[in-house]
Amino acid sequence: MTAALRRHLGQRSPEVAPAGHAEPGKMKMIHLGCGEGYIGRRLGDLTGLVQRSRLAGATHIGWG
């Protein structure tokens, strides 16, 4: 995660426009998009979670 943060230092992720995809007889998929810098903010949030978890004694983090 630290490497990902270093790669994005001083750069903002581009804005992603909303998009949809549909095929007959299949589920329609819609991506609502995200604003500029969204990925960096989420990486920062995840880094904060890791740091707080380590302070609390955690050795592993999982989700799902």
PDB file of N, CA and C in Angstrom:
ATOM      1  N   MET A   1       0.820  -1.175   0.000  1.00  0.00           N
ATOM      2  CA  MET A   1       0.000   0.000   0.000  1.00  0.00           C
ATOM      3  C   MET A   1       0.873   1.250   0.000  1.00  0.00           C
ATOM      4  N   THR A   2       1.972   1.193   0.707  1.00  0.00           N
ATOM      5  CA  THR A   2       2.879   2.339   0.749  1.00  0.00           C
ATOM      6  C   THR A   2       3.395   2.665  -0.649  1.00  0.00           C
ATOM      7  N   ALA A   3       3.691   1.628  -1.435  1.00  0.00           N
ATOM      8  CA  ALA A   3       4.167   1.848  -2.802  1.00  0.00           C
ATOM      9  C   ALA A   3       3.097   2.539  -3.639  1.00  0.00           C
ATOM     10  N   ALA A   4       1.850   2.151  -3.473  1.00  0.00           N
ATOM     11  CA  ALA A   4       0.758   2.786  -4.223  1.00  0.00           C
ATOM     12  C   ALA A   4       0.630   4.246  -3.834  1.00  0.00           C
ATOM     13  N   LEU A   5       0.772   4.544  -2.564  1.00  0.00           N
ATOM     14  CA  LEU A   5       0.703   5.939  -2.116  1.00  0.00           C
ATOM     15  C   LEU A   5       1.854   6.754  -2.703  1.00  0.00           C
ATOM     16  N   ARG A   6       3.050   6.192  -2.712  1.00  0.00           N
ATOM     17  CA  ARG A   6       4.204   6.907  -3.274  1.00  0.00           C
ATOM     18  C   ARG A   6       4.023   7.196  -4.756  1.00  0.00           C
ATOM     19  N   ARG A   7       3.487   6.231  -5.493  1.00  0.00           N
ATOM     20  CA  ARG A   7       3.280   6.420  -6.941  1.00  0.00           C
ATOM     21  C   ARG A   7       2.317   7.559  -7.211  1.00  0.00           C
ATOM     22  N   HIS A   8       1.349   7.787  -6.327  1.00  0.00           N
ATOM     23  CA  HIS A   8       0.319   8.795  -6.566  1.00  0.00           C
ATOM     24  C   HIS A   8       0.598  10.120  -5.857  1.00  0.00           C
ATOM     25  N   LEU A   9       1.718  10.211  -5.170  1.00  0.00           N
ATOM     26  CA  LEU A   9       2.042  11.433  -4.448  1.00  0.00           C
ATOM     27  C   LEU A   9       2.082  12.621  -5.398  1.00  0.00           C
ATOM     28  N   GLY A  10       1.372  13.673  -5.078  1.00  0.00           N
ATOM     29  CA  GLY A  10       1.379  14.872  -5.896  1.00  0.00           C
ATOM     30  C   GLY A  10       0.549  14.770  -7.165  1.00  0.00           C
ATOM     31  N   GLN A  11      -0.141  13.647  -7.360  1.00  0.00           N
ATOM     32  CA  GLN A  11      -0.987  13.469  -8.538  1.00  0.00           C
ATOM     33  C   GLN A  11      -2.412  13.180  -8.079  1.00  0.00           C
ATOM     34  N   ARG A  12      -3.341  13.665  -8.841  1.00  0.00           N
ATOM     35  CA  ARG A  12      -4.744  13.368  -8.553  1.00  0.00           C
ATOM     36  C   ARG A  12      -5.248  12.393  -9.594  1.00  0.00           C
ATOM     37  N   SER A  13      -5.986  11.402  -9.152  1.00  0.00           N
ATOM     38  CA  SER A  13      -6.571  10.467 -10.112  1.00  0.00           C
ATOM     39  C   SER A  13      -7.584  11.230 -10.967  1.00  0.00           C
ATOM     40  N   PRO A  14      -7.709  10.849 -12.230  1.00  0.00           N
ATOM     41  CA  PRO A  14      -8.640  11.564 -13.107  1.00  0.00           C
ATOM     42  C   PRO A  14     -10.093  11.279 -12.742  1.00  0.00           C
ATOM     43  N   GLU A  15     -10.951  12.199 -13.128  1.00  0.00           N
ATOM     44  CA  GLU A  15     -12.386  11.992 -12.950  1.00  0.00           C
ATOM     45  C   GLU A  15     -12.849  10.889 -13.903  1.00  0.00           C
ATOM     46  N   VAL A  16     -13.756  10.053 -13.427  1.00  0.00           N
ATOM     47  CA  VAL A  16     -14.315   8.989 -14.255  1.00  0.00           C
ATOM     48  C   VAL A  16     -15.792   9.314 -14.476  1.00  0.00           C
ATOM     49  N   ALA A  17     -16.177   9.440 -15.727  1.00  0.00           N
ATOM     50  CA  ALA A  17     -17.556   9.787 -16.062  1.00  0.00           C
ATOM     51  C   ALA A  17     -18.488   8.592 -15.843  1.00  0.00           C
ATOM     52  N   PRO A  18     -19.748   8.869 -15.529  1.00  0.00           N
ATOM     53  CA  PRO A  18     -20.719   7.774 -15.404  1.00  0.00           C
ATOM     54  C   PRO A  18     -20.862   7.029 -16.735  1.00  0.00           C
ATOM     55  N   ALA A  19     -21.114   5.733 -16.643  1.00  0.00           N
ATOM     56  CA  ALA A  19     -21.250   4.922 -17.853  1.00  0.00           C
ATOM     57  C   ALA A  19     -22.189   3.760 -17.577  1.00  0.00           C
ATOM     58  N   GLY A  20     -22.801   3.263 -18.610  1.00  0.00           N
ATOM     59  CA  GLY A  20     -23.687   2.113 -18.493  1.00  0.00           C
ATOM     60  C   GLY A  20     -23.381   1.101 -19.583  1.00  0.00           C
ATOM     61  N   HIS A  21     -23.711  -0.151 -19.325  1.00  0.00           N
ATOM     62  CA  HIS A  21     -23.490  -1.214 -20.302  1.00  0.00           C
ATOM     63  C   HIS A  21     -24.671  -2.169 -20.227  1.00  0.00           C
ATOM     64  N   ALA A  22     -25.258  -2.446 -21.374  1.00  0.00           N
ATOM     65  CA  ALA A  22     -26.410  -3.361 -21.394  1.00  0.00           C
ATOM     66  C   ALA A  22     -26.339  -4.252 -22.622  1.00  0.00           C
ATOM     67  N   GLU A  23     -26.702  -5.513 -22.422  1.00  0.00           N
ATOM     68  CA  GLU A  23     -26.829  -6.473 -23.512  1.00  0.00           C
ATOM     69  C   GLU A  23     -28.197  -7.127 -23.381  1.00  0.00           C
ATOM     70  N   PRO A  24     -28.826  -7.438 -24.494  1.00  0.00           N
ATOM     71  CA  PRO A  24     -30.150  -8.069 -24.436  1.00  0.00           C
ATOM     72  C   PRO A  24     -30.132  -9.355 -23.594  1.00  0.00           C
ATOM     73  N   GLY A  25     -31.084  -9.463 -22.700  1.00  0.00           N
ATOM     74  CA  GLY A  25     -31.215 -10.655 -21.879  1.00  0.00           C
ATOM     75  C   GLY A  25     -30.257 -10.718 -20.704  1.00  0.00           C
ATOM     76  N   LYS A  26     -29.468  -9.673 -20.502  1.00  0.00           N
ATOM     77  CA  LYS A  26     -28.518  -9.657 -19.386  1.00  0.00           C
ATOM     78  C   LYS A  26     -28.764  -8.441 -18.507  1.00  0.00           C
ATOM     79  N   MET A  27     -28.189  -8.484 -17.327  1.00  0.00           N
ATOM     80  CA  MET A  27     -28.323  -7.391 -16.378  1.00  0.00           C
ATOM     81  C   MET A  27     -27.626  -6.136 -16.905  1.00  0.00           C
ATOM     82  N   LYS A  28     -28.224  -4.992 -16.682  1.00  0.00           N
ATOM     83  CA  LYS A  28     -27.613  -3.726 -17.071  1.00  0.00           C
ATOM     84  C   LYS A  28     -26.660  -3.281 -15.956  1.00  0.00           C
ATOM     85  N   MET A  29     -25.438  -2.928 -16.318  1.00  0.00           N
ATOM     86  CA  MET A  29     -24.436  -2.481 -15.355  1.00  0.00           C
ATOM     87  C   MET A  29     -24.285  -0.967 -15.479  1.00  0.00           C
ATOM     88  N   ILE A  30     -24.293  -0.272 -14.357  1.00  0.00           N
ATOM     89  CA  ILE A  30     -24.144   1.171 -14.352  1.00  0.00           C
ATOM     90  C   ILE A  30     -23.025   1.538 -13.386  1.00  0.00           C
ATOM     91  N   HIS A  31     -22.046   2.282 -13.880  1.00  0.00           N
ATOM     92  CA  HIS A  31     -20.976   2.814 -13.031  1.00  0.00           C
ATOM     93  C   HIS A  31     -21.278   4.289 -12.848  1.00  0.00           C
ATOM     94  N   LEU A  32     -21.411   4.725 -11.617  1.00  0.00           N
ATOM     95  CA  LEU A  32     -21.811   6.096 -11.344  1.00  0.00           C
ATOM     96  C   LEU A  32     -20.683   7.100 -11.485  1.00  0.00           C
ATOM     97  N   GLY A  33     -19.473   6.616 -11.741  1.00  0.00           N
ATOM     98  CA  GLY A  33     -18.339   7.519 -11.905  1.00  0.00           C
ATOM     99  C   GLY A  33     -17.766   7.940 -10.558  1.00  0.00           C
ATOM    100  N   CYS A  34     -16.706   8.722 -10.598  1.00  0.00           N
ATOM    101  CA  CYS A  34     -16.112   9.255  -9.376  1.00  0.00           C
ATOM    102  C   CYS A  34     -15.345  10.529  -9.723  1.00  0.00           C
ATOM    103  N   GLY A  35     -15.233  11.389  -8.748  1.00  0.00           N
ATOM    104  CA  GLY A  35     -14.591  12.679  -8.945  1.00  0.00           C
ATOM    105  C   GLY A  35     -13.073  12.600  -8.963  1.00  0.00           C
ATOM    106  N   GLU A  36     -12.460  13.667  -9.405  1.00  0.00           N
ATOM    107  CA  GLU A  36     -11.002  13.755  -9.456  1.00  0.00           C
ATOM    108  C   GLU A  36     -10.427  13.576  -8.052  1.00  0.00           C
ATOM    109  N   GLY A  37      -9.387  12.783  -7.929  1.00  0.00           N
ATOM    110  CA  GLY A  37      -8.724  12.565  -6.650  1.00  0.00           C
ATOM    111  C   GLY A  37      -9.354  11.504  -5.765  1.00  0.00           C
ATOM    112  N   TYR A  38     -10.396  10.841  -6.240  1.00  0.00           N
ATOM    113  CA  TYR A  38     -11.116   9.859  -5.425  1.00  0.00           C
ATOM    114  C   TYR A  38     -10.209   8.719  -4.971  1.00  0.00           C
ATOM    115  N   ILE A  39      -9.407   8.181  -5.873  1.00  0.00           N
ATOM    116  CA  ILE A  39      -8.557   7.031  -5.533  1.00  0.00           C
ATOM    117  C   ILE A  39      -7.544   7.412  -4.453  1.00  0.00           C
ATOM    118  N   GLY A  40      -6.957   8.579  -4.571  1.00  0.00           N
ATOM    119  CA  GLY A  40      -6.010   9.032  -3.552  1.00  0.00           C
ATOM    120  C   GLY A  40      -6.653   9.181  -2.182  1.00  0.00           C
ATOM    121  N   ARG A  41      -7.874   9.713  -2.157  1.00  0.00           N
ATOM    122  CA  ARG A  41      -8.583   9.844  -0.876  1.00  0.00           C
ATOM    123  C   ARG A  41      -8.855   8.477  -0.268  1.00  0.00           C
ATOM    124  N   ARG A  42      -9.275   7.515  -1.090  1.00  0.00           N
ATOM    125  CA  ARG A  42      -9.554   6.176  -0.564  1.00  0.00           C
ATOM    126  C   ARG A  42      -8.275   5.497  -0.096  1.00  0.00           C
ATOM    127  N   LEU A  43      -7.154   5.683  -0.819  1.00  0.00           N
ATOM    128  CA  LEU A  43      -5.872   5.123  -0.364  1.00  0.00           C
ATOM    129  C   LEU A  43      -5.469   5.736   0.977  1.00  0.00           C
ATOM    130  N   GLY A  44      -5.705   7.023   1.130  1.00  0.00           N
ATOM    131  CA  GLY A  44      -5.412   7.680   2.407  1.00  0.00           C
ATOM    132  C   GLY A  44      -6.263   7.126   3.531  1.00  0.00           C
ATOM    133  N   ASP A  45      -7.548   6.898   3.255  1.00  0.00           N
ATOM    134  CA  ASP A  45      -8.442   6.309   4.264  1.00  0.00           C
ATOM    135  C   ASP A  45      -7.975   4.909   4.657  1.00  0.00           C
ATOM    136  N   LEU A  46      -7.590   4.124   3.665  1.00  0.00           N
ATOM    137  CA  LEU A  46      -7.129   2.760   3.927  1.00  0.00           C
ATOM    138  C   LEU A  46      -5.828   2.771   4.733  1.00  0.00           C
ATOM    139  N   THR A  47      -4.944   3.700   4.425  1.00  0.00           N
ATOM    140  CA  THR A  47      -3.697   3.826   5.185  1.00  0.00           C
ATOM    141  C   THR A  47      -3.985   4.161   6.641  1.00  0.00           C
ATOM    142  N   GLY A  48      -4.922   5.075   6.860  1.00  0.00           N
ATOM    143  CA  GLY A  48      -5.313   5.421   8.232  1.00  0.00           C
ATOM    144  C   GLY A  48      -5.869   4.228   8.973  1.00  0.00           C
ATOM    145  N   LEU A  49      -6.694   3.430   8.296  1.00  0.00           N
ATOM    146  CA  LEU A  49      -7.245   2.222   8.909  1.00  0.00           C
ATOM    147  C   LEU A  49      -6.131   1.262   9.311  1.00  0.00           C
ATOM    148  N   VAL A  50      -5.162   1.061   8.430  1.00  0.00           N
ATOM    149  CA  VAL A  50      -4.043   0.161   8.722  1.00  0.00           C
ATOM    150  C   VAL A  50      -3.258   0.666   9.931  1.00  0.00           C
ATOM    151  N   GLN A  51      -2.972   1.955   9.969  1.00  0.00           N
ATOM    152  CA  GLN A  51      -2.201   2.508  11.084  1.00  0.00           C
ATOM    153  C   GLN A  51      -2.947   2.368  12.407  1.00  0.00           C
ATOM    154  N   ARG A  52      -4.246   2.682  12.412  1.00  0.00           N
ATOM    155  CA  ARG A  52      -5.030   2.536  13.648  1.00  0.00           C
ATOM    156  C   ARG A  52      -5.131   1.072  14.066  1.00  0.00           C
ATOM    157  N   SER A  53      -5.247   0.186  13.087  1.00  0.00           N
ATOM    158  CA  SER A  53      -5.340  -1.240  13.386  1.00  0.00           C
ATOM    159  C   SER A  53      -4.047  -1.766  13.999  1.00  0.00           C
ATOM    160  N   ARG A  54      -2.922  -1.315  13.457  1.00  0.00           N
ATOM    161  CA  ARG A  54      -1.629  -1.737  14.029  1.00  0.00           C
ATOM    162  C   ARG A  54      -1.487  -1.271  15.470  1.00  0.00           C
ATOM    163  N   LEU A  55      -1.910  -0.029  15.726  1.00  0.00           N
ATOM    164  CA  LEU A  55      -1.841   0.486  17.098  1.00  0.00           C
ATOM    165  C   LEU A  55      -2.711  -0.327  18.052  1.00  0.00           C
ATOM    166  N   ALA A  56      -3.808  -0.874  17.524  1.00  0.00           N
ATOM    167  CA  ALA A  56      -4.705  -1.693  18.340  1.00  0.00           C
ATOM    168  C   ALA A  56      -4.226  -3.137  18.461  1.00  0.00           C
ATOM    169  N   GLY A  57      -3.115  -3.481  17.759  1.00  0.00           N
ATOM    170  CA  GLY A  57      -2.564  -4.809  17.871  1.00  0.00           C
ATOM    171  C   GLY A  57      -2.919  -5.772  16.749  1.00  0.00           C
ATOM    172  N   ALA A  58      -3.582  -5.287  15.721  1.00  0.00           N
ATOM    173  CA  ALA A  58      -3.975  -6.165  14.617  1.00  0.00           C
ATOM    174  C   ALA A  58      -2.752  -6.581  13.792  1.00  0.00           C
ATOM    175  N   THR A  59      -2.780  -7.794  13.292  1.00  0.00           N
ATOM    176  CA  THR A  59      -1.717  -8.283  12.414  1.00  0.00           C
ATOM    177  C   THR A  59      -2.241  -8.537  11.006  1.00  0.00           C
ATOM    178  N   HIS A  60      -3.571  -8.613  10.847  1.00  0.00           N
ATOM    179  CA  HIS A  60      -4.187  -8.857   9.540  1.00  0.00           C
ATOM    180  C   HIS A  60      -5.426  -7.985   9.394  1.00  0.00           C
ATOM    181  N   ILE A  61      -5.701  -7.574   8.181  1.00  0.00           N
ATOM    182  CA  ILE A  61      -6.924  -6.823   7.880  1.00  0.00           C
ATOM    183  C   ILE A  61      -7.589  -7.514   6.694  1.00  0.00           C
ATOM    184  N   GLY A  62      -8.885  -7.737   6.797  1.00  0.00           N
ATOM    185  CA  GLY A  62      -9.622  -8.365   5.710  1.00  0.00           C
ATOM    186  C   GLY A  62     -10.989  -7.741   5.589  1.00  0.00           C
ATOM    187  N   TRP A  63     -11.601  -7.939   4.459  1.00  0.00           N
ATOM    188  CA  TRP A  63     -12.968  -7.493   4.257  1.00  0.00           C
ATOM    189  C   TRP A  63     -13.629  -8.416   3.260  1.00  0.00           C
ATOM    190  N   GLY A  64     -14.923  -8.365   3.245  1.00  0.00           N
ATOM    191  CA  GLY A  64     -15.649  -9.173   2.270  1.00  0.00           C
ATOM    192  C   GLY A  64     -16.682 -10.055   2.901  1.00  0.00           C
TER     193      GLY A  64
END
